[in-house]
PDB file of N, CA and C in Angstrom:
ATOM      1  N   MET A   1     -29.189  71.132 -20.972  1.00  0.00           N
ATOM      2  CA  MET A   1     -29.983  70.420 -22.756  1.00  0.00           C
ATOM      3  C   MET A   1     -29.096  71.141 -22.753  1.00  0.00           C
ATOM      4  N   LYS A   2     -28.887  70.125 -24.238  1.00  0.00           N
ATOM      5  CA  LYS A   2     -27.706  69.258 -24.860  1.00  0.00           C
ATOM      6  C   LYS A   2     -28.173  69.335 -25.779  1.00  0.00           C
ATOM      7  N   LEU A   3     -28.288  69.873 -27.504  1.00  0.00           N
ATOM      8  CA  LEU A   3     -29.097  69.697 -28.597  1.00  0.00           C
ATOM      9  C   LEU A   3     -27.752  69.151 -29.655  1.00  0.00           C
ATOM     10  N   VAL A   4     -28.148  68.033 -29.815  1.00  0.00           N
ATOM     11  CA  VAL A   4     -28.177  66.583 -31.246  1.00  0.00           C
ATOM     12  C   VAL A   4     -29.198  67.004 -32.414  1.00  0.00           C
ATOM     13  N   THR A   5     -27.986  66.593 -33.023  1.00  0.00           N
ATOM     14  CA  THR A   5     -28.192  66.868 -34.761  1.00  0.00           C
ATOM     15  C   THR A   5     -28.555  65.696 -35.401  1.00  0.00           C
ATOM     16  N   ASP A   6     -27.041  64.449 -34.479  1.00  0.00           N
ATOM     17  CA  ASP A   6     -26.897  62.850 -35.149  1.00  0.00           C
ATOM     18  C   ASP A   6     -28.411  62.480 -34.516  1.00  0.00           C
ATOM     19  N   GLU A   7     -29.127  61.291 -35.532  1.00  0.00           N
ATOM     20  CA  GLU A   7     -30.298  60.364 -35.243  1.00  0.00           C
ATOM     21  C   GLU A   7     -29.606  59.314 -33.344  1.00  0.00           C
ATOM     22  N   LYS A   8     -28.424  58.494 -34.350  1.00  0.00           N
ATOM     23  CA  LYS A   8     -27.689  58.405 -33.116  1.00  0.00           C
ATOM     24  C   LYS A   8     -27.623  58.369 -32.005  1.00  0.00           C
ATOM     25  N   LYS A   9     -27.121  59.280 -31.708  1.00  0.00           N
ATOM     26  CA  LYS A   9     -26.615  60.473 -30.417  1.00  0.00           C
ATOM     27  C   LYS A   9     -28.353  60.656 -29.035  1.00  0.00           C
ATOM     28  N   LEU A  10     -29.227  60.845 -30.818  1.00  0.00           N
ATOM     29  CA  LEU A  10     -30.104  60.883 -30.153  1.00  0.00           C
ATOM     30  C   LEU A  10     -31.189  59.962 -28.908  1.00  0.00           C
ATOM     31  N   ASN A  11     -31.369  59.283 -29.515  1.00  0.00           N
ATOM     32  CA  ASN A  11     -31.667  57.454 -29.138  1.00  0.00           C
ATOM     33  C   ASN A  11     -30.729  56.920 -28.229  1.00  0.00           C
ATOM     34  N   GLU A  12     -29.228  57.180 -27.968  1.00  0.00           N
ATOM     35  CA  GLU A  12     -28.819  57.002 -27.040  1.00  0.00           C
ATOM     36  C   GLU A  12     -29.280  58.474 -25.948  1.00  0.00           C
ATOM     37  N   LEU A  13     -29.909  58.690 -25.816  1.00  0.00           N
ATOM     38  CA  LEU A  13     -29.108  60.519 -24.676  1.00  0.00           C
ATOM     39  C   LEU A  13     -31.071  60.068 -24.388  1.00  0.00           C
ATOM     40  N   THR A  14     -31.954  59.962 -25.385  1.00  0.00           N
ATOM     41  CA  THR A  14     -33.840  59.158 -24.664  1.00  0.00           C
ATOM     42  C   THR A  14     -33.737  57.706 -24.160  1.00  0.00           C
ATOM     43  N   SER A  15     -32.531  57.324 -23.881  1.00  0.00           N
ATOM     44  CA  SER A  15     -32.557  55.994 -23.940  1.00  0.00           C
ATOM     45  C   SER A  15     -32.673  55.878 -22.073  1.00  0.00           C
ATOM     46  N   LYS A  16     -31.748  56.836 -21.441  1.00  0.00           N
ATOM     47  CA  LYS A  16     -31.373  57.124 -20.686  1.00  0.00           C
ATOM     48  C   LYS A  16     -31.981  57.046 -19.786  1.00  0.00           C
ATOM     49  N   PRO A  17     -32.280  56.875 -18.541  1.00  0.00           N
ATOM     50  CA  PRO A  17     -33.404  57.256 -17.480  1.00  0.00           C
ATOM     51  C   PRO A  17     -32.965  58.806 -16.732  1.00  0.00           C
ATOM     52  N   THR A  18     -32.122  59.470 -16.932  1.00  0.00           N
ATOM     53  CA  THR A  18     -31.666  60.473 -16.114  1.00  0.00           C
ATOM     54  C   THR A  18     -32.803  61.736 -17.674  1.00  0.00           C
ATOM     55  N   LEU A  19     -33.369  61.467 -18.786  1.00  0.00           N
ATOM     56  CA  LEU A  19     -33.702  62.012 -19.258  1.00  0.00           C
ATOM     57  C   LEU A  19     -35.254  62.956 -18.849  1.00  0.00           C
ATOM     58  N   VAL A  20     -35.390  64.381 -19.191  1.00  0.00           N
ATOM     59  CA  VAL A  20     -36.800  65.111 -18.674  1.00  0.00           C
ATOM     60  C   VAL A  20     -37.280  65.400 -19.346  1.00  0.00           C
ATOM     61  N   SER A  21     -36.879  65.277 -21.022  1.00  0.00           N
ATOM     62  CA  SER A  21     -37.760  66.102 -21.403  1.00  0.00           C
ATOM     63  C   SER A  21     -37.366  66.311 -23.140  1.00  0.00           C
ATOM     64  N   SER A  22     -38.102  66.811 -24.178  1.00  0.00           N
ATOM     65  CA  SER A  22     -37.160  66.538 -25.302  1.00  0.00           C
ATOM     66  C   SER A  22     -37.955  67.360 -26.902  1.00  0.00           C
ATOM     67  N   LYS A  23     -38.058  68.973 -26.849  1.00  0.00           N
ATOM     68  CA  LYS A  23     -38.234  69.036 -27.911  1.00  0.00           C
ATOM     69  C   LYS A  23     -37.097  69.475 -29.046  1.00  0.00           C
ATOM     70  N   ILE A  24     -38.197  69.078 -30.018  1.00  0.00           N
ATOM     71  CA  ILE A  24     -37.857  69.674 -31.876  1.00  0.00           C
ATOM     72  C   ILE A  24     -38.267  70.937 -31.818  1.00  0.00           C
ATOM     73  N   LEU A  25     -36.138  71.670 -32.610  1.00  0.00           N
ATOM     74  CA  LEU A  25     -36.616  72.663 -32.284  1.00  0.00           C
ATOM     75  C   LEU A  25     -36.215  73.190 -34.361  1.00  0.00           C
ATOM     76  N   ASP A  26     -36.148  71.802 -35.171  1.00  0.00           N
ATOM     77  CA  ASP A  26     -35.373  72.668 -36.286  1.00  0.00           C
ATOM     78  C   ASP A  26     -35.155  70.586 -36.951  1.00  0.00           C
ATOM     79  N   GLN A  27     -35.629  70.887 -37.881  1.00  0.00           N
ATOM     80  CA  GLN A  27     -35.921  69.540 -38.869  1.00  0.00           C
ATOM     81  C   GLN A  27     -35.042  69.282 -38.740  1.00  0.00           C
ATOM     82  N   ASN A  28     -33.275  68.951 -38.551  1.00  0.00           N
ATOM     83  CA  ASN A  28     -31.780  68.348 -38.352  1.00  0.00           C
ATOM     84  C   ASN A  28     -31.759  69.339 -36.760  1.00  0.00           C
ATOM     85  N   LEU A  29     -32.804  69.702 -35.672  1.00  0.00           N
ATOM     86  CA  LEU A  29     -31.455  69.949 -34.718  1.00  0.00           C
ATOM     87  C   LEU A  29     -33.203  69.743 -32.877  1.00  0.00           C
ATOM     88  N   VAL A  30     -32.471  68.893 -32.583  1.00  0.00           N
ATOM     89  CA  VAL A  30     -33.146  68.987 -31.403  1.00  0.00           C
ATOM     90  C   VAL A  30     -33.027  68.588 -29.975  1.00  0.00           C
ATOM     91  N   GLY A  31     -33.314  69.490 -28.896  1.00  0.00           N
ATOM     92  CA  GLY A  31     -33.074  69.741 -28.054  1.00  0.00           C
ATOM     93  C   GLY A  31     -33.263  68.509 -26.604  1.00  0.00           C
ATOM     94  N   VAL A  32     -32.797  68.564 -26.105  1.00  0.00           N
ATOM     95  CA  VAL A  32     -31.978  67.065 -24.914  1.00  0.00           C
ATOM     96  C   VAL A  32     -32.936  66.777 -24.159  1.00  0.00           C
ATOM     97  N   ASN A  33     -33.469  67.759 -22.249  1.00  0.00           N
ATOM     98  CA  ASN A  33     -33.201  68.296 -22.026  1.00  0.00           C
ATOM     99  C   ASN A  33     -33.163  66.964 -20.185  1.00  0.00           C
ATOM    100  N   MET A  34     -31.720  67.268 -19.244  1.00  0.00           N
ATOM    101  CA  MET A  34     -31.735  66.094 -18.831  1.00  0.00           C
ATOM    102  C   MET A  34     -30.973  66.737 -17.632  1.00  0.00           C
ATOM    103  N   LYS A  35     -31.280  65.271 -16.978  1.00  0.00           N
ATOM    104  CA  LYS A  35     -31.345  65.579 -14.880  1.00  0.00           C
ATOM    105  C   LYS A  35     -29.739  65.377 -15.038  1.00  0.00           C
ATOM    106  N   LYS A  36     -29.557  66.336 -13.340  1.00  0.00           N
ATOM    107  CA  LYS A  36     -27.633  65.661 -12.995  1.00  0.00           C
ATOM    108  C   LYS A  36     -27.134  63.774 -13.140  1.00  0.00           C
ATOM    109  N   GLU A  37     -25.856  63.343 -13.555  1.00  0.00           N
ATOM    110  CA  GLU A  37     -26.195  61.710 -13.187  1.00  0.00           C
ATOM    111  C   GLU A  37     -25.280  61.029 -12.561  1.00  0.00           C
ATOM    112  N   ARG A  38     -23.747  62.551 -11.597  1.00  0.00           N
ATOM    113  CA  ARG A  38     -23.546  62.447 -10.071  1.00  0.00           C
ATOM    114  C   ARG A  38     -24.587  63.244  -9.217  1.00  0.00           C
ATOM    115  N   LEU A  39     -24.213  62.926  -8.077  1.00  0.00           N
ATOM    116  CA  LEU A  39     -25.212  63.124  -6.998  1.00  0.00           C
ATOM    117  C   LEU A  39     -23.461  63.327  -5.789  1.00  0.00           C
ATOM    118  N   LYS A  40     -23.713  64.131  -5.268  1.00  0.00           N
ATOM    119  CA  LYS A  40     -22.325  65.054  -5.045  1.00  0.00           C
ATOM    120  C   LYS A  40     -23.001  64.814  -2.953  1.00  0.00           C
ATOM    121  N   LEU A  41     -22.768  64.110  -2.429  1.00  0.00           N
ATOM    122  CA  LEU A  41     -21.980  62.963  -1.229  1.00  0.00           C
ATOM    123  C   LEU A  41     -21.744  63.666  -0.270  1.00  0.00           C
ATOM    124  N   ASP A  42     -21.566  65.174   0.399  1.00  0.00           N
ATOM    125  CA  ASP A  42     -20.564  65.882   0.369  1.00  0.00           C
ATOM    126  C   ASP A  42     -21.265  66.408   1.918  1.00  0.00           C
ATOM    127  N   LYS A  43     -22.503  66.228   2.089  1.00  0.00           N
ATOM    128  CA  LYS A  43     -22.951  66.983   3.899  1.00  0.00           C
ATOM    129  C   LYS A  43     -22.889  66.112   4.703  1.00  0.00           C
ATOM    130  N   ALA A  44     -23.165  66.645   6.078  1.00  0.00           N
ATOM    131  CA  ALA A  44     -22.527  66.010   7.223  1.00  0.00           C
ATOM    132  C   ALA A  44     -23.492  65.096   7.115  1.00  0.00           C
ATOM    133  N   TYR A  45     -24.744  65.098   7.152  1.00  0.00           N
ATOM    134  CA  TYR A  45     -26.050  64.119   8.163  1.00  0.00           C
ATOM    135  C   TYR A  45     -26.038  62.994   7.153  1.00  0.00           C
ATOM    136  N   VAL A  46     -25.010  62.581   5.349  1.00  0.00           N
ATOM    137  CA  VAL A  46     -24.866  61.622   4.333  1.00  0.00           C
ATOM    138  C   VAL A  46     -23.395  60.937   5.547  1.00  0.00           C
ATOM    139  N   GLY A  47     -22.517  61.074   6.147  1.00  0.00           N
ATOM    140  CA  GLY A  47     -21.662  60.398   6.936  1.00  0.00           C
ATOM    141  C   GLY A  47     -22.635  59.928   7.782  1.00  0.00           C
ATOM    142  N   MET A  48     -23.164  60.680   7.999  1.00  0.00           N
ATOM    143  CA  MET A  48     -23.813  60.496   9.855  1.00  0.00           C
ATOM    144  C   MET A  48     -24.943  58.983   9.867  1.00  0.00           C
ATOM    145  N   CYS A  49     -25.564  59.205   8.105  1.00  0.00           N
ATOM    146  CA  CYS A  49     -26.863  58.452   7.945  1.00  0.00           C
ATOM    147  C   CYS A  49     -26.131  57.325   7.609  1.00  0.00           C
ATOM    148  N   ILE A  50     -24.587  57.137   6.634  1.00  0.00           N
ATOM    149  CA  ILE A  50     -23.932  55.777   6.875  1.00  0.00           C
ATOM    150  C   ILE A  50     -23.720  55.198   7.610  1.00  0.00           C
ATOM    151  N   LEU A  51     -23.230  55.672   8.380  1.00  0.00           N
ATOM    152  CA  LEU A  51     -22.073  55.255   9.681  1.00  0.00           C
ATOM    153  C   LEU A  51     -23.409  54.610  10.804  1.00  0.00           C
ATOM    154  N   ASP A  52     -24.873  55.460  10.862  1.00  0.00           N
ATOM    155  CA  ASP A  52     -26.044  54.825  11.577  1.00  0.00           C
ATOM    156  C   ASP A  52     -26.524  53.378  10.885  1.00  0.00           C
ATOM    157  N   LEU A  53     -26.089  53.798   9.791  1.00  0.00           N
ATOM    158  CA  LEU A  53     -27.135  51.831   8.530  1.00  0.00           C
ATOM    159  C   LEU A  53     -25.785  50.774   8.626  1.00  0.00           C
ATOM    160  N   SER A  54     -24.227  51.660   9.177  1.00  0.00           N
ATOM    161  CA  SER A  54     -23.356  50.294   9.546  1.00  0.00           C
ATOM    162  C   SER A  54     -23.188  49.485  11.161  1.00  0.00           C
ATOM    163  N   LYS A  55     -23.140  50.693  11.470  1.00  0.00           N
ATOM    164  CA  LYS A  55     -23.269  50.859  13.046  1.00  0.00           C
ATOM    165  C   LYS A  55     -25.063  48.966  13.364  1.00  0.00           C
ATOM    166  N   THR A  56     -26.306  49.823  12.879  1.00  0.00           N
ATOM    167  CA  THR A  56     -27.035  49.006  13.105  1.00  0.00           C
ATOM    168  C   THR A  56     -27.127  47.564  12.381  1.00  0.00           C
ATOM    169  N   LEU A  57     -26.404  47.427  10.981  1.00  0.00           N
ATOM    170  CA  LEU A  57     -25.527  46.155  10.622  1.00  0.00           C
ATOM    171  C   LEU A  57     -24.998  45.783  11.188  1.00  0.00           C
ATOM    172  N   MET A  58     -23.604  46.027  12.577  1.00  0.00           N
ATOM    173  CA  MET A  58     -23.246  45.128  12.815  1.00  0.00           C
ATOM    174  C   MET A  58     -24.119  44.911  14.285  1.00  0.00           C
ATOM    175  N   TYR A  59     -24.548  45.856  14.823  1.00  0.00           N
ATOM    176  CA  TYR A  59     -24.805  45.146  15.679  1.00  0.00           C
ATOM    177  C   TYR A  59     -26.420  43.921  15.500  1.00  0.00           C
ATOM    178  N   ASP A  60     -27.255  43.854  14.337  1.00  0.00           N
ATOM    179  CA  ASP A  60     -27.159  42.683  14.137  1.00  0.00           C
ATOM    180  C   ASP A  60     -27.270  41.572  13.906  1.00  0.00           C
ATOM    181  N   PHE A  61     -25.995  41.604  12.969  1.00  0.00           N
ATOM    182  CA  PHE A  61     -24.910  40.659  13.030  1.00  0.00           C
ATOM    183  C   PHE A  61     -24.564  39.931  14.241  1.00  0.00           C
ATOM    184  N   HIS A  62     -24.329  40.863  15.498  1.00  0.00           N
ATOM    185  CA  HIS A  62     -23.290  40.486  16.196  1.00  0.00           C
ATOM    186  C   HIS A  62     -24.456  39.550  17.604  1.00  0.00           C
ATOM    187  N   TYR A  63     -25.753  40.382  17.472  1.00  0.00           N
ATOM    188  CA  TYR A  63     -26.892  39.686  19.012  1.00  0.00           C
ATOM    189  C   TYR A  63     -27.532  39.182  18.307  1.00  0.00           C
ATOM    190  N   ASN A  64     -27.584  38.646  16.700  1.00  0.00           N
ATOM    191  CA  ASN A  64     -28.931  37.565  15.375  1.00  0.00           C
ATOM    192  C   ASN A  64     -27.754  37.386  15.972  1.00  0.00           C
ATOM    193  N   TYR A  65     -26.516  36.812  15.783  1.00  0.00           N
ATOM    194  CA  TYR A  65     -25.701  35.289  14.655  1.00  0.00           C
ATOM    195  C   TYR A  65     -23.797  35.137  15.799  1.00  0.00           C
ATOM    196  N   ILE A  66     -23.269  36.208  15.523  1.00  0.00           N
ATOM    197  CA  ILE A  66     -22.773  35.060  17.009  1.00  0.00           C
ATOM    198  C   ILE A  66     -23.301  35.005  18.463  1.00  0.00           C
ATOM    199  N   ARG A  67     -23.977  35.827  18.499  1.00  0.00           N
ATOM    200  CA  ARG A  67     -24.173  35.521  20.441  1.00  0.00           C
ATOM    201  C   ARG A  67     -25.254  34.338  20.222  1.00  0.00           C
ATOM    202  N   LYS A  68     -25.624  34.398  20.213  1.00  0.00           N
ATOM    203  CA  LYS A  68     -26.937  32.956  19.475  1.00  0.00           C
ATOM    204  C   LYS A  68     -25.855  32.101  18.942  1.00  0.00           C
ATOM    205  N   ASN A  69     -25.623  31.789  18.310  1.00  0.00           N
ATOM    206  CA  ASN A  69     -24.427  30.864  17.933  1.00  0.00           C
ATOM    207  C   ASN A  69     -23.283  30.242  19.653  1.00  0.00           C
ATOM    208  N   THR A  70     -22.846  31.386  20.241  1.00  0.00           N
ATOM    209  CA  THR A  70     -22.124  31.173  21.113  1.00  0.00           C
ATOM    210  C   THR A  70     -22.932  30.717  23.001  1.00  0.00           C
ATOM    211  N   LEU A  71     -24.315  31.778  22.343  1.00  0.00           N
ATOM    212  CA  LEU A  71     -25.130  30.522  23.644  1.00  0.00           C
ATOM    213  C   LEU A  71     -25.054  29.671  23.598  1.00  0.00           C
ATOM    214  N   ILE A  72     -25.782  28.741  22.821  1.00  0.00           N
ATOM    215  CA  ILE A  72     -26.411  27.501  22.551  1.00  0.00           C
ATOM    216  C   ILE A  72     -24.570  26.316  22.716  1.00  0.00           C
ATOM    217  N   ALA A  73     -23.573  26.887  22.284  1.00  0.00           N
ATOM    218  CA  ALA A  73     -22.363  26.102  22.391  1.00  0.00           C
ATOM    219  C   ALA A  73     -22.276  25.899  24.175  1.00  0.00           C
ATOM    220  N   SER A  74     -21.596  27.047  23.945  1.00  0.00           N
ATOM    221  CA  SER A  74     -21.992  27.263  25.980  1.00  0.00           C
ATOM    222  C   SER A  74     -23.246  25.951  27.047  1.00  0.00           C
ATOM    223  N   TYR A  75     -24.168  26.600  26.033  1.00  0.00           N
ATOM    224  CA  TYR A  75     -25.089  25.754  26.831  1.00  0.00           C
ATOM    225  C   TYR A  75     -24.768  23.963  26.788  1.00  0.00           C
ATOM    226  N   PHE A  76     -24.446  23.990  25.811  1.00  0.00           N
ATOM    227  CA  PHE A  76     -23.530  22.386  26.021  1.00  0.00           C
ATOM    228  C   PHE A  76     -22.457  21.639  27.094  1.00  0.00           C
ATOM    229  N   LEU A  77     -22.219  22.638  26.152  1.00  0.00           N
ATOM    230  CA  LEU A  77     -20.722  23.226  27.403  1.00  0.00           C
ATOM    231  C   LEU A  77     -21.001  22.511  28.610  1.00  0.00           C
ATOM    232  N   LEU A  78     -22.156  23.284  29.654  1.00  0.00           N
ATOM    233  CA  LEU A  78     -22.479  23.388  31.292  1.00  0.00           C
ATOM    234  C   LEU A  78     -22.538  21.498  30.632  1.00  0.00           C
ATOM    235  N   ILE A  79     -24.258  21.155  29.564  1.00  0.00           N
ATOM    236  CA  ILE A  79     -24.953  20.330  30.343  1.00  0.00           C
ATOM    237  C   ILE A  79     -23.299  18.716  29.895  1.00  0.00           C
ATOM    238  N   LEU A  80     -22.254  19.105  29.135  1.00  0.00           N
ATOM    239  CA  LEU A  80     -21.512  17.699  29.343  1.00  0.00           C
ATOM    240  C   LEU A  80     -20.290  18.449  29.736  1.00  0.00           C
ATOM    241  N   ILE A  81     -20.197  19.165  30.479  1.00  0.00           N
ATOM    242  CA  ILE A  81     -19.088  19.245  31.998  1.00  0.00           C
ATOM    243  C   ILE A  81     -20.389  18.187  33.463  1.00  0.00           C
ATOM    244  N   HIS A  82     -21.705  18.688  33.453  1.00  0.00           N
ATOM    245  CA  HIS A  82     -22.540  18.362  34.303  1.00  0.00           C
ATOM    246  C   HIS A  82     -22.684  16.857  34.299  1.00  0.00           C
ATOM    247  N   PHE A  83     -22.515  15.722  32.424  1.00  0.00           N
ATOM    248  CA  PHE A  83     -22.533  14.321  32.891  1.00  0.00           C
ATOM    249  C   PHE A  83     -22.256  14.086  33.105  1.00  0.00           C
ATOM    250  N   PHE A  84     -20.968  15.017  32.615  1.00  0.00           N
ATOM    251  CA  PHE A  84     -19.078  14.292  32.903  1.00  0.00           C
ATOM    252  C   PHE A  84     -18.524  14.233  34.468  1.00  0.00           C
ATOM    253  N   THR A  85     -18.766  15.399  35.856  1.00  0.00           N
ATOM    254  CA  THR A  85     -19.129  15.392  37.345  1.00  0.00           C
ATOM    255  C   THR A  85     -20.420  14.490  37.588  1.00  0.00           C
ATOM    256  N   ILE A  86     -20.521  13.759  37.047  1.00  0.00           N
ATOM    257  CA  ILE A  86     -21.876  12.918  37.533  1.00  0.00           C
ATOM    258  C   ILE A  86     -21.467  11.708  38.085  1.00  0.00           C
TER     259      ILE A  86
END
């Protein structure tokens, strides 16, 4: 909770998405309740999830882009070799 006496600072704090609530305590004093702005990602399951997502993206790229293009190129080469050997 932050105590604010300046109107400009009050407008700045209330426009943030981390605002939870505000309460007028006195004519020139307002209490502003805010959520934490930083998220600490130091747990093991966070790292495991990041690795799993990156692995999924890499497999998707390999099988849906690299492999398709190499298969098309290899079929094209087989057709060329077939026609030139006839």
